[in-house]
PDB file of N, CA and C in Angstrom:
ATOM      1  N   MET A   1    -107.009  28.411 -73.039  1.00  0.00           N
ATOM      2  CA  MET A   1    -107.484  28.117 -74.338  1.00  0.00           C
ATOM      3  C   MET A   1    -108.343  29.257 -74.807  1.00  0.00           C
ATOM      4  N   VAL A   2    -108.075  29.728 -76.032  1.00  0.00           N
ATOM      5  CA  VAL A   2    -108.833  30.878 -76.588  1.00  0.00           C
ATOM      6  C   VAL A   2    -109.848  30.398 -77.602  1.00  0.00           C
ATOM      7  N   PRO A   3    -111.154  30.644 -77.396  1.00  0.00           N
ATOM      8  CA  PRO A   3    -112.130  30.156 -78.465  1.00  0.00           C
ATOM      9  C   PRO A   3    -111.938  31.083 -79.662  1.00  0.00           C
ATOM     10  N   THR A   4    -111.776  30.382 -80.817  1.00  0.00           N
ATOM     11  CA  THR A   4    -111.584  31.129 -82.083  1.00  0.00           C
ATOM     12  C   THR A   4    -112.653  30.865 -83.102  1.00  0.00           C
ATOM     13  N   HIS A   5    -113.653  30.086 -82.771  1.00  0.00           N
ATOM     14  CA  HIS A   5    -114.611  29.669 -83.810  1.00  0.00           C
ATOM     15  C   HIS A   5    -115.855  30.589 -83.763  1.00  0.00           C
ATOM     16  N   GLY A   6    -115.844  31.599 -82.905  1.00  0.00           N
ATOM     17  CA  GLY A   6    -116.971  32.487 -82.851  1.00  0.00           C
ATOM     18  C   GLY A   6    -118.300  31.844 -82.502  1.00  0.00           C
ATOM     19  N   ALA A   7    -119.355  32.185 -83.220  1.00  0.00           N
ATOM     20  CA  ALA A   7    -120.693  31.585 -82.940  1.00  0.00           C
ATOM     21  C   ALA A   7    -120.902  30.271 -83.581  1.00  0.00           C
ATOM     22  N   TYR A   8    -119.976  29.812 -84.351  1.00  0.00           N
ATOM     23  CA  TYR A   8    -120.150  28.538 -85.130  1.00  0.00           C
ATOM     24  C   TYR A   8    -120.563  27.327 -84.224  1.00  0.00           C
ATOM     25  N   PRO A   9    -119.791  27.050 -83.196  1.00  0.00           N
ATOM     26  CA  PRO A   9    -120.145  25.855 -82.388  1.00  0.00           C
ATOM     27  C   PRO A   9    -121.600  25.954 -81.842  1.00  0.00           C
ATOM     28  N   ASP A  10    -121.956  27.111 -81.338  1.00  0.00           N
ATOM     29  CA  ASP A  10    -123.346  27.215 -80.794  1.00  0.00           C
ATOM     30  C   ASP A  10    -124.351  27.101 -81.901  1.00  0.00           C
ATOM     31  N   ALA A  11    -124.077  27.601 -83.075  1.00  0.00           N
ATOM     32  CA  ALA A  11    -125.027  27.471 -84.204  1.00  0.00           C
ATOM     33  C   ALA A  11    -125.225  26.039 -84.564  1.00  0.00           C
ATOM     34  N   VAL A  12    -124.141  25.223 -84.600  1.00  0.00           N
ATOM     35  CA  VAL A  12    -124.274  23.790 -84.898  1.00  0.00           C
ATOM     36  C   VAL A  12    -124.963  23.041 -83.802  1.00  0.00           C
ATOM     37  N   ARG A  13    -124.789  23.405 -82.563  1.00  0.00           N
ATOM     38  CA  ARG A  13    -125.486  22.786 -81.498  1.00  0.00           C
ATOM     39  C   ARG A  13    -127.041  23.081 -81.579  1.00  0.00           C
ATOM     40  N   LEU A  14    -127.345  24.313 -81.847  1.00  0.00           N
ATOM     41  CA  LEU A  14    -128.725  24.737 -81.991  1.00  0.00           C
ATOM     42  C   LEU A  14    -129.369  24.039 -83.159  1.00  0.00           C
ATOM     43  N   LEU A  15    -128.740  23.977 -84.279  1.00  0.00           N
ATOM     44  CA  LEU A  15    -129.251  23.229 -85.453  1.00  0.00           C
ATOM     45  C   LEU A  15    -129.512  21.777 -85.144  1.00  0.00           C
ATOM     46  N   ALA A  16    -128.553  21.129 -84.488  1.00  0.00           N
ATOM     47  CA  ALA A  16    -128.737  19.735 -84.184  1.00  0.00           C
ATOM     48  C   ALA A  16    -129.934  19.522 -83.232  1.00  0.00           C
ATOM     49  N   ALA A  17    -130.076  20.416 -82.305  1.00  0.00           N
ATOM     50  CA  ALA A  17    -131.213  20.324 -81.361  1.00  0.00           C
ATOM     51  C   ALA A  17    -132.486  20.594 -82.076  1.00  0.00           C
ATOM     52  N   ARG A  18    -132.532  21.634 -82.870  1.00  0.00           N
ATOM     53  CA  ARG A  18    -133.767  21.967 -83.566  1.00  0.00           C
ATOM     54  C   ARG A  18    -134.195  20.876 -84.579  1.00  0.00           C
ATOM     55  N   GLU A  19    -133.308  20.294 -85.291  1.00  0.00           N
ATOM     56  CA  GLU A  19    -133.621  19.297 -86.266  1.00  0.00           C
ATOM     57  C   GLU A  19    -133.581  17.908 -85.706  1.00  0.00           C
ATOM     58  N   ASP A  20    -133.340  17.731 -84.428  1.00  0.00           N
ATOM     59  CA  ASP A  20    -133.210  16.431 -83.748  1.00  0.00           C
ATOM     60  C   ASP A  20    -132.188  15.577 -84.512  1.00  0.00           C
ATOM     61  N   LEU A  21    -131.046  16.108 -84.668  1.00  0.00           N
ATOM     62  CA  LEU A  21    -129.902  15.489 -85.342  1.00  0.00           C
ATOM     63  C   LEU A  21    -128.909  14.966 -84.332  1.00  0.00           C
ATOM     64  N   PRO A  22    -128.250  13.877 -84.577  1.00  0.00           N
ATOM     65  CA  PRO A  22    -127.147  13.459 -83.662  1.00  0.00           C
ATOM     66  C   PRO A  22    -125.978  14.455 -83.782  1.00  0.00           C
ATOM     67  N   LEU A  23    -125.327  14.642 -82.682  1.00  0.00           N
ATOM     68  CA  LEU A  23    -124.194  15.573 -82.658  1.00  0.00           C
ATOM     69  C   LEU A  23    -123.041  15.026 -81.828  1.00  0.00           C
ATOM     70  N   ILE A  24    -121.884  15.157 -82.391  1.00  0.00           N
ATOM     71  CA  ILE A  24    -120.672  14.932 -81.638  1.00  0.00           C
ATOM     72  C   ILE A  24    -120.047  16.275 -81.446  1.00  0.00           C
ATOM     73  N   ASP A  25    -120.055  16.786 -80.228  1.00  0.00           N
ATOM     74  CA  ASP A  25    -119.596  18.164 -80.038  1.00  0.00           C
ATOM     75  C   ASP A  25    -118.063  18.083 -79.821  1.00  0.00           C
ATOM     76  N   LEU A  26    -117.351  18.035 -80.956  1.00  0.00           N
ATOM     77  CA  LEU A  26    -115.931  17.984 -80.879  1.00  0.00           C
ATOM     78  C   LEU A  26    -115.289  19.272 -80.380  1.00  0.00           C
ATOM     79  N   SER A  27    -115.979  20.363 -80.539  1.00  0.00           N
ATOM     80  CA  SER A  27    -115.454  21.566 -79.989  1.00  0.00           C
ATOM     81  C   SER A  27    -115.377  21.519 -78.457  1.00  0.00           C
ATOM     82  N   ALA A  28    -116.484  21.091 -77.849  1.00  0.00           N
ATOM     83  CA  ALA A  28    -116.507  21.010 -76.340  1.00  0.00           C
ATOM     84  C   ALA A  28    -115.555  19.859 -75.862  1.00  0.00           C
ATOM     85  N   ALA A  29    -115.550  18.741 -76.570  1.00  0.00           N
ATOM     86  CA  ALA A  29    -114.753  17.627 -76.149  1.00  0.00           C
ATOM     87  C   ALA A  29    -113.262  17.932 -76.282  1.00  0.00           C
ATOM     88  N   SER A  30    -112.872  18.648 -77.335  1.00  0.00           N
ATOM     89  CA  SER A  30    -111.405  18.916 -77.528  1.00  0.00           C
ATOM     90  C   SER A  30    -111.025  20.039 -76.575  1.00  0.00           C
ATOM     91  N   ALA A  31    -111.906  20.978 -76.248  1.00  0.00           N
ATOM     92  CA  ALA A  31    -111.555  21.946 -75.313  1.00  0.00           C
ATOM     93  C   ALA A  31    -111.343  21.375 -73.928  1.00  0.00           C
ATOM     94  N   LYS A  32    -112.216  20.359 -73.594  1.00  0.00           N
ATOM     95  CA  LYS A  32    -112.109  19.729 -72.284  1.00  0.00           C
ATOM     96  C   LYS A  32    -110.747  18.932 -72.273  1.00  0.00           C
ATOM     97  N   LEU A  33    -110.434  18.266 -73.331  1.00  0.00           N
ATOM     98  CA  LEU A  33    -109.146  17.503 -73.360  1.00  0.00           C
ATOM     99  C   LEU A  33    -107.913  18.389 -73.174  1.00  0.00           C
ATOM    100  N   VAL A  34    -107.936  19.542 -73.912  1.00  0.00           N
ATOM    101  CA  VAL A  34    -106.796  20.479 -73.791  1.00  0.00           C
ATOM    102  C   VAL A  34    -106.722  21.012 -72.424  1.00  0.00           C
ATOM    103  N   GLN A  35    -107.792  21.388 -71.802  1.00  0.00           N
ATOM    104  CA  GLN A  35    -107.788  21.959 -70.446  1.00  0.00           C
ATOM    105  C   GLN A  35    -107.316  20.908 -69.420  1.00  0.00           C
ATOM    106  N   GLU A  36    -107.726  19.683 -69.588  1.00  0.00           N
ATOM    107  CA  GLU A  36    -107.341  18.624 -68.667  1.00  0.00           C
ATOM    108  C   GLU A  36    -105.845  18.387 -68.772  1.00  0.00           C
ATOM    109  N   MET A  37    -105.307  18.421 -70.084  1.00  0.00           N
ATOM    110  CA  MET A  37    -103.868  18.166 -70.257  1.00  0.00           C
ATOM    111  C   MET A  37    -103.030  19.316 -69.691  1.00  0.00           C
ATOM    112  N   GLY A  38    -103.576  20.520 -69.798  1.00  0.00           N
ATOM    113  CA  GLY A  38    -102.843  21.674 -69.301  1.00  0.00           C
ATOM    114  C   GLY A  38    -101.704  22.032 -70.226  1.00  0.00           C
ATOM    115  N   GLU A  39    -101.035  23.105 -69.770  1.00  0.00           N
ATOM    116  CA  GLU A  39     -99.882  23.618 -70.545  1.00  0.00           C
ATOM    117  C   GLU A  39     -98.606  23.123 -69.770  1.00  0.00           C
ATOM    118  N   PRO A  40     -97.666  22.664 -70.396  1.00  0.00           N
ATOM    119  CA  PRO A  40     -97.358  22.627 -71.857  1.00  0.00           C
ATOM    120  C   PRO A  40     -97.778  21.342 -72.536  1.00  0.00           C
ATOM    121  N   ALA A  41     -98.273  20.360 -71.818  1.00  0.00           N
ATOM    122  CA  ALA A  41     -98.564  19.004 -72.381  1.00  0.00           C
ATOM    123  C   ALA A  41     -99.462  19.131 -73.661  1.00  0.00           C
ATOM    124  N   SER A  42    -100.447  20.032 -73.585  1.00  0.00           N
ATOM    125  CA  SER A  42    -101.401  20.146 -74.709  1.00  0.00           C
ATOM    126  C   SER A  42    -100.705  20.645 -75.960  1.00  0.00           C
ATOM    127  N   ARG A  43     -99.588  21.308 -75.845  1.00  0.00           N
ATOM    128  CA  ARG A  43     -98.874  21.835 -77.029  1.00  0.00           C
ATOM    129  C   ARG A  43     -98.382  20.651 -77.876  1.00  0.00           C
ATOM    130  N   GLU A  44     -98.262  19.519 -77.261  1.00  0.00           N
ATOM    131  CA  GLU A  44     -97.807  18.352 -78.053  1.00  0.00           C
ATOM    132  C   GLU A  44     -98.864  17.905 -79.044  1.00  0.00           C
ATOM    133  N   LEU A  45    -100.082  18.328 -78.867  1.00  0.00           N
ATOM    134  CA  LEU A  45    -101.130  17.965 -79.823  1.00  0.00           C
ATOM    135  C   LEU A  45    -101.047  18.751 -81.120  1.00  0.00           C
ATOM    136  N   TYR A  46    -100.542  19.960 -81.051  1.00  0.00           N
ATOM    137  CA  TYR A  46    -100.563  20.878 -82.147  1.00  0.00           C
ATOM    138  C   TYR A  46     -99.198  21.059 -82.854  1.00  0.00           C
ATOM    139  N   MET A  47     -99.198  21.763 -83.901  1.00  0.00           N
ATOM    140  CA  MET A  47     -97.976  22.032 -84.674  1.00  0.00           C
ATOM    141  C   MET A  47     -97.216  23.173 -84.007  1.00  0.00           C
ATOM    142  N   VAL A  48     -96.810  22.817 -82.772  1.00  0.00           N
ATOM    143  CA  VAL A  48     -96.007  23.773 -81.919  1.00  0.00           C
ATOM    144  C   VAL A  48     -94.692  23.020 -81.560  1.00  0.00           C
ATOM    145  N   PHE A  49     -93.608  23.529 -82.119  1.00  0.00           N
ATOM    146  CA  PHE A  49     -92.290  22.859 -81.821  1.00  0.00           C
ATOM    147  C   PHE A  49     -91.153  23.818 -82.006  1.00  0.00           C
ATOM    148  N   ALA A  50     -90.037  23.433 -81.334  1.00  0.00           N
ATOM    149  CA  ALA A  50     -88.860  24.241 -81.361  1.00  0.00           C
ATOM    150  C   ALA A  50     -88.124  24.205 -82.720  1.00  0.00           C
ATOM    151  N   PRO A  51     -87.296  25.213 -82.929  1.00  0.00           N
ATOM    152  CA  PRO A  51     -86.503  25.207 -84.154  1.00  0.00           C
ATOM    153  C   PRO A  51     -85.639  23.921 -84.299  1.00  0.00           C
ATOM    154  N   ASN A  52     -85.437  23.572 -85.564  1.00  0.00           N
ATOM    155  CA  ASN A  52     -84.572  22.442 -85.906  1.00  0.00           C
ATOM    156  C   ASN A  52     -85.023  21.066 -85.482  1.00  0.00           C
ATOM    157  N   LEU A  53     -86.306  20.981 -85.084  1.00  0.00           N
ATOM    158  CA  LEU A  53     -86.830  19.645 -84.716  1.00  0.00           C
ATOM    159  C   LEU A  53     -87.178  18.854 -85.920  1.00  0.00           C
ATOM    160  N   TYR A  54     -87.719  19.533 -86.920  1.00  0.00           N
ATOM    161  CA  TYR A  54     -88.093  18.993 -88.254  1.00  0.00           C
ATOM    162  C   TYR A  54     -87.319  19.781 -89.291  1.00  0.00           C
ATOM    163  N   PRO A  55     -86.845  19.047 -90.359  1.00  0.00           N
ATOM    164  CA  PRO A  55     -86.073  19.797 -91.425  1.00  0.00           C
ATOM    165  C   PRO A  55     -86.946  20.788 -92.147  1.00  0.00           C
ATOM    166  N   ASN A  56     -88.195  20.516 -92.347  1.00  0.00           N
ATOM    167  CA  ASN A  56     -89.108  21.453 -92.995  1.00  0.00           C
ATOM    168  C   ASN A  56     -89.468  22.679 -92.260  1.00  0.00           C
ATOM    169  N   TYR A  57     -89.094  22.677 -91.007  1.00  0.00           N
ATOM    170  CA  TYR A  57     -89.472  23.850 -90.140  1.00  0.00           C
ATOM    171  C   TYR A  57     -88.173  24.267 -89.296  1.00  0.00           C
ATOM    172  N   PRO A  58     -87.162  24.732 -90.015  1.00  0.00           N
ATOM    173  CA  PRO A  58     -85.884  25.121 -89.289  1.00  0.00           C
ATOM    174  C   PRO A  58     -86.114  26.193 -88.292  1.00  0.00           C
ATOM    175  N   ASP A  59     -87.162  27.022 -88.401  1.00  0.00           N
ATOM    176  CA  ASP A  59     -87.362  28.088 -87.437  1.00  0.00           C
ATOM    177  C   ASP A  59     -88.399  27.649 -86.380  1.00  0.00           C
ATOM    178  N   GLY A  60     -88.828  26.408 -86.397  1.00  0.00           N
ATOM    179  CA  GLY A  60     -89.821  25.939 -85.479  1.00  0.00           C
ATOM    180  C   GLY A  60     -91.198  26.340 -85.964  1.00  0.00           C
ATOM    181  N   LYS A  61     -92.201  26.154 -85.160  1.00  0.00           N
ATOM    182  CA  LYS A  61     -93.617  26.490 -85.528  1.00  0.00           C
ATOM    183  C   LYS A  61     -94.406  26.723 -84.304  1.00  0.00           C
ATOM    184  N   GLU A  62     -95.318  27.678 -84.413  1.00  0.00           N
ATOM    185  CA  GLU A  62     -96.271  28.064 -83.311  1.00  0.00           C
ATOM    186  C   GLU A  62     -97.734  28.069 -83.952  1.00  0.00           C
ATOM    187  N   ASP A  63     -98.188  26.879 -84.235  1.00  0.00           N
ATOM    188  CA  ASP A  63     -99.602  26.790 -84.820  1.00  0.00           C
ATOM    189  C   ASP A  63    -100.416  26.011 -83.816  1.00  0.00           C
ATOM    190  N   ASN A  64    -101.288  26.715 -83.180  1.00  0.00           N
ATOM    191  CA  ASN A  64    -102.198  26.162 -82.158  1.00  0.00           C
ATOM    192  C   ASN A  64    -103.545  25.746 -82.727  1.00  0.00           C
ATOM    193  N   THR A  65    -103.572  25.544 -84.081  1.00  0.00           N
ATOM    194  CA  THR A  65    -104.823  25.162 -84.743  1.00  0.00           C
ATOM    195  C   THR A  65    -104.626  23.731 -85.344  1.00  0.00           C
ATOM    196  N   HIS A  66    -103.614  23.531 -86.084  1.00  0.00           N
ATOM    197  CA  HIS A  66    -103.447  22.281 -86.824  1.00  0.00           C
ATOM    198  C   HIS A  66    -102.757  21.274 -85.915  1.00  0.00           C
ATOM    199  N   LEU A  67    -103.176  19.997 -86.103  1.00  0.00           N
ATOM    200  CA  LEU A  67    -102.763  18.912 -85.242  1.00  0.00           C
ATOM    201  C   LEU A  67    -101.490  18.172 -85.823  1.00  0.00           C
ATOM    202  N   ARG A  68    -100.676  17.770 -84.839  1.00  0.00           N
ATOM    203  CA  ARG A  68     -99.616  16.766 -85.111  1.00  0.00           C
ATOM    204  C   ARG A  68    -100.200  15.407 -84.982  1.00  0.00           C
ATOM    205  N   TYR A  69     -99.424  14.406 -85.233  1.00  0.00           N
ATOM    206  CA  TYR A  69     -99.898  12.979 -85.088  1.00  0.00           C
ATOM    207  C   TYR A  69    -100.595  12.726 -83.852  1.00  0.00           C
ATOM    208  N   LEU A  70     -99.969  13.036 -82.675  1.00  0.00           N
ATOM    209  CA  LEU A  70    -100.585  12.732 -81.402  1.00  0.00           C
ATOM    210  C   LEU A  70    -101.916  13.431 -81.283  1.00  0.00           C
ATOM    211  N   GLY A  71    -102.027  14.678 -81.714  1.00  0.00           N
ATOM    212  CA  GLY A  71    -103.334  15.401 -81.669  1.00  0.00           C
ATOM    213  C   GLY A  71    -104.385  14.720 -82.588  1.00  0.00           C
ATOM    214  N   ALA A  72    -103.981  14.252 -83.722  1.00  0.00           N
ATOM    215  CA  ALA A  72    -104.933  13.591 -84.604  1.00  0.00           C
ATOM    216  C   ALA A  72    -105.477  12.366 -83.970  1.00  0.00           C
ATOM    217  N   VAL A  73    -104.551  11.603 -83.322  1.00  0.00           N
ATOM    218  CA  VAL A  73    -104.978  10.362 -82.688  1.00  0.00           C
ATOM    219  C   VAL A  73    -105.940  10.628 -81.504  1.00  0.00           C
ATOM    220  N   ARG A  74    -105.575  11.633 -80.669  1.00  0.00           N
ATOM    221  CA  ARG A  74    -106.370  11.938 -79.502  1.00  0.00           C
ATOM    222  C   ARG A  74    -107.784  12.465 -79.936  1.00  0.00           C
ATOM    223  N   PHE A  75    -107.790  13.340 -80.949  1.00  0.00           N
ATOM    224  CA  PHE A  75    -109.073  13.923 -81.426  1.00  0.00           C
ATOM    225  C   PHE A  75    -109.945  12.845 -82.073  1.00  0.00           C
ATOM    226  N   THR A  76    -109.318  11.971 -82.783  1.00  0.00           N
ATOM    227  CA  THR A  76    -109.999  10.798 -83.368  1.00  0.00           C
ATOM    228  C   THR A  76    -110.677   9.928 -82.311  1.00  0.00           C
ATOM    229  N   GLY A  77    -109.918   9.839 -81.188  1.00  0.00           N
ATOM    230  CA  GLY A  77    -110.490   9.082 -80.077  1.00  0.00           C
ATOM    231  C   GLY A  77    -111.758   9.796 -79.534  1.00  0.00           C
ATOM    232  N   LEU A  78    -111.748  11.084 -79.555  1.00  0.00           N
ATOM    233  CA  LEU A  78    -112.935  11.891 -79.084  1.00  0.00           C
ATOM    234  C   LEU A  78    -114.127  11.602 -80.018  1.00  0.00           C
ATOM    235  N   VAL A  79    -113.819  11.511 -81.284  1.00  0.00           N
ATOM    236  CA  VAL A  79    -114.903  11.224 -82.249  1.00  0.00           C
ATOM    237  C   VAL A  79    -115.446   9.810 -82.023  1.00  0.00           C
ATOM    238  N   ALA A  80    -114.539   8.885 -81.839  1.00  0.00           N
ATOM    239  CA  ALA A  80    -114.972   7.459 -81.508  1.00  0.00           C
ATOM    240  C   ALA A  80    -115.741   7.406 -80.260  1.00  0.00           C
ATOM    241  N   ALA A  81    -115.367   8.095 -79.183  1.00  0.00           N
ATOM    242  CA  ALA A  81    -116.187   8.102 -78.000  1.00  0.00           C
ATOM    243  C   ALA A  81    -117.544   8.790 -78.201  1.00  0.00           C
ATOM    244  N   GLY A  82    -117.598   9.771 -79.140  1.00  0.00           N
ATOM    245  CA  GLY A  82    -118.872  10.412 -79.401  1.00  0.00           C
ATOM    246  C   GLY A  82    -119.816   9.433 -80.176  1.00  0.00           C
ATOM    247  N   LEU A  83    -119.250   8.674 -81.136  1.00  0.00           N
ATOM    248  CA  LEU A  83    -120.044   7.649 -81.829  1.00  0.00           C
ATOM    249  C   LEU A  83    -120.502   6.627 -80.880  1.00  0.00           C
ATOM    250  N   GLN A  84    -119.652   6.185 -79.972  1.00  0.00           N
ATOM    251  CA  GLN A  84    -120.036   5.169 -78.998  1.00  0.00           C
ATOM    252  C   GLN A  84    -121.188   5.737 -78.125  1.00  0.00           C
ATOM    253  N   ALA A  85    -121.083   6.961 -77.740  1.00  0.00           N
ATOM    254  CA  ALA A  85    -122.193   7.518 -76.899  1.00  0.00           C
ATOM    255  C   ALA A  85    -123.504   7.701 -77.609  1.00  0.00           C
ATOM    256  N   LEU A  86    -123.385   7.925 -78.896  1.00  0.00           N
ATOM    257  CA  LEU A  86    -124.634   8.057 -79.691  1.00  0.00           C
ATOM    258  C   LEU A  86    -125.348   6.663 -79.807  1.00  0.00           C
ATOM    259  N   GLY A  87    -124.507   5.618 -79.852  1.00  0.00           N
ATOM    260  CA  GLY A  87    -125.086   4.293 -79.801  1.00  0.00           C
ATOM    261  C   GLY A  87    -125.687   3.930 -81.174  1.00  0.00           C
ATOM    262  N   GLY A  88    -126.360   2.813 -81.264  1.00  0.00           N
ATOM    263  CA  GLY A  88    -127.076   2.378 -82.420  1.00  0.00           C
ATOM    264  C   GLY A  88    -126.124   2.248 -83.643  1.00  0.00           C
ATOM    265  N   PRO A  89    -126.639   2.622 -84.779  1.00  0.00           N
ATOM    266  CA  PRO A  89    -125.761   2.559 -86.009  1.00  0.00           C
ATOM    267  C   PRO A  89    -124.498   3.323 -86.009  1.00  0.00           C
ATOM    268  N   TYR A  90    -124.474   4.394 -85.150  1.00  0.00           N
ATOM    269  CA  TYR A  90    -123.258   5.257 -85.030  1.00  0.00           C
ATOM    270  C   TYR A  90    -122.141   4.389 -84.351  1.00  0.00           C
ATOM    271  N   ALA A  91    -122.497   3.738 -83.243  1.00  0.00           N
ATOM    272  CA  ALA A  91    -121.577   2.916 -82.549  1.00  0.00           C
ATOM    273  C   ALA A  91    -121.192   1.682 -83.325  1.00  0.00           C
ATOM    274  N   ASP A  92    -122.163   1.217 -84.196  1.00  0.00           N
ATOM    275  CA  ASP A  92    -121.869  -0.012 -84.990  1.00  0.00           C
ATOM    276  C   ASP A  92    -120.751   0.155 -85.966  1.00  0.00           C
ATOM    277  N   VAL A  93    -120.403   1.411 -86.380  1.00  0.00           N
ATOM    278  CA  VAL A  93    -119.322   1.644 -87.319  1.00  0.00           C
ATOM    279  C   VAL A  93    -117.914   1.455 -86.693  1.00  0.00           C
ATOM    280  N   LEU A  94    -117.897   1.428 -85.376  1.00  0.00           N
ATOM    281  CA  LEU A  94    -116.592   1.278 -84.668  1.00  0.00           C
ATOM    282  C   LEU A  94    -116.118  -0.115 -84.722  1.00  0.00           C
ATOM    283  N   LEU A  95    -114.794  -0.312 -84.833  1.00  0.00           N
ATOM    284  CA  LEU A  95    -114.230  -1.614 -84.798  1.00  0.00           C
ATOM    285  C   LEU A  95    -114.049  -2.025 -83.316  1.00  0.00           C
ATOM    286  N   GLY A  96    -114.094  -3.295 -83.090  1.00  0.00           N
ATOM    287  CA  GLY A  96    -113.835  -3.806 -81.723  1.00  0.00           C
ATOM    288  C   GLY A  96    -112.418  -3.644 -81.408  1.00  0.00           C
ATOM    289  N   THR A  97    -111.989  -4.121 -80.244  1.00  0.00           N
ATOM    290  CA  THR A  97    -110.589  -4.095 -79.808  1.00  0.00           C
ATOM    291  C   THR A  97    -109.815  -4.923 -80.827  1.00  0.00           C
ATOM    292  N   PRO A  98    -108.845  -4.271 -81.404  1.00  0.00           N
ATOM    293  CA  PRO A  98    -108.063  -5.007 -82.435  1.00  0.00           C
ATOM    294  C   PRO A  98    -107.269  -6.129 -81.834  1.00  0.00           C
ATOM    295  N   GLU A  99    -107.185  -7.209 -82.594  1.00  0.00           N
ATOM    296  CA  GLU A  99    -106.267  -8.312 -82.155  1.00  0.00           C
ATOM    297  C   GLU A  99    -104.906  -7.961 -82.585  1.00  0.00           C
ATOM    298  N   ARG A 100    -103.907  -8.558 -81.887  1.00  0.00           N
ATOM    299  CA  ARG A 100    -102.578  -8.272 -82.262  1.00  0.00           C
ATOM    300  C   ARG A 100    -102.344  -8.721 -83.745  1.00  0.00           C
ATOM    301  N   ASP A 101    -101.734  -7.816 -84.468  1.00  0.00           N
ATOM    302  CA  ASP A 101    -101.497  -8.114 -85.899  1.00  0.00           C
ATOM    303  C   ASP A 101    -100.248  -9.009 -86.070  1.00  0.00           C
ATOM    304  N   LYS A 102    -100.345 -10.093 -86.773  1.00  0.00           N
ATOM    305  CA  LYS A 102     -99.198 -10.906 -87.025  1.00  0.00           C
ATOM    306  C   LYS A 102     -98.104 -10.143 -87.872  1.00  0.00           C
ATOM    307  N   TYR A 103     -98.553  -9.195 -88.627  1.00  0.00           N
ATOM    308  CA  TYR A 103     -97.716  -8.418 -89.454  1.00  0.00           C
ATOM    309  C   TYR A 103     -97.501  -7.038 -88.819  1.00  0.00           C
ATOM    310  N   ASP A 104     -96.456  -7.010 -87.997  1.00  0.00           N
ATOM    311  CA  ASP A 104     -96.234  -5.777 -87.199  1.00  0.00           C
ATOM    312  C   ASP A 104     -95.110  -4.942 -87.796  1.00  0.00           C
ATOM    313  N   GLY A 105     -94.704  -5.214 -89.056  1.00  0.00           N
ATOM    314  CA  GLY A 105     -93.601  -4.507 -89.655  1.00  0.00           C
ATOM    315  C   GLY A 105     -92.282  -5.112 -89.389  1.00  0.00           C
ATOM    316  N   LYS A 106     -92.193  -6.109 -88.596  1.00  0.00           N
ATOM    317  CA  LYS A 106     -91.001  -6.800 -88.270  1.00  0.00           C
ATOM    318  C   LYS A 106     -90.871  -8.203 -88.884  1.00  0.00           C
ATOM    319  N   GLY A 107     -91.917  -8.481 -89.663  1.00  0.00           N
ATOM    320  CA  GLY A 107     -91.924  -9.805 -90.290  1.00  0.00           C
ATOM    321  C   GLY A 107     -93.052 -10.639 -89.754  1.00  0.00           C
ATOM    322  N   TYR A 108     -93.287 -11.717 -90.388  1.00  0.00           N
ATOM    323  CA  TYR A 108     -94.415 -12.634 -89.994  1.00  0.00           C
ATOM    324  C   TYR A 108     -94.023 -13.419 -88.766  1.00  0.00           C
ATOM    325  N   GLU A 109     -94.998 -13.427 -87.813  1.00  0.00           N
ATOM    326  CA  GLU A 109     -94.802 -14.241 -86.610  1.00  0.00           C
ATOM    327  C   GLU A 109     -95.826 -15.382 -86.718  1.00  0.00           C
ATOM    328  N   GLY A 110     -95.322 -16.519 -87.244  1.00  0.00           N
ATOM    329  CA  GLY A 110     -96.289 -17.622 -87.494  1.00  0.00           C
ATOM    330  C   GLY A 110     -96.335 -18.522 -86.418  1.00  0.00           C
TER     331      GLY A 110
END
């Protein structure tokens, strides 16, 4: 993984510490996730895919910055874990474990 954000993540961490602000360090959390997944599994998170997989990208794509659906879901999970770790009103915004929806796209199960 190549850090591309320069001094920005450290500046945000320093500001949060100096101003005593809550911080979800998504930079560190996402780097850890990507490193744990390893190569090539982590490529599934990003807009990296072979030619002709999607009609809009006949030549494929090699974008290691922008997320695909799976990446968005995994990174959102990191934010939710960060909110949970902060606790208090931050954790209170999280929904509980969802109940099975009667409307699952296949019709009503009454």
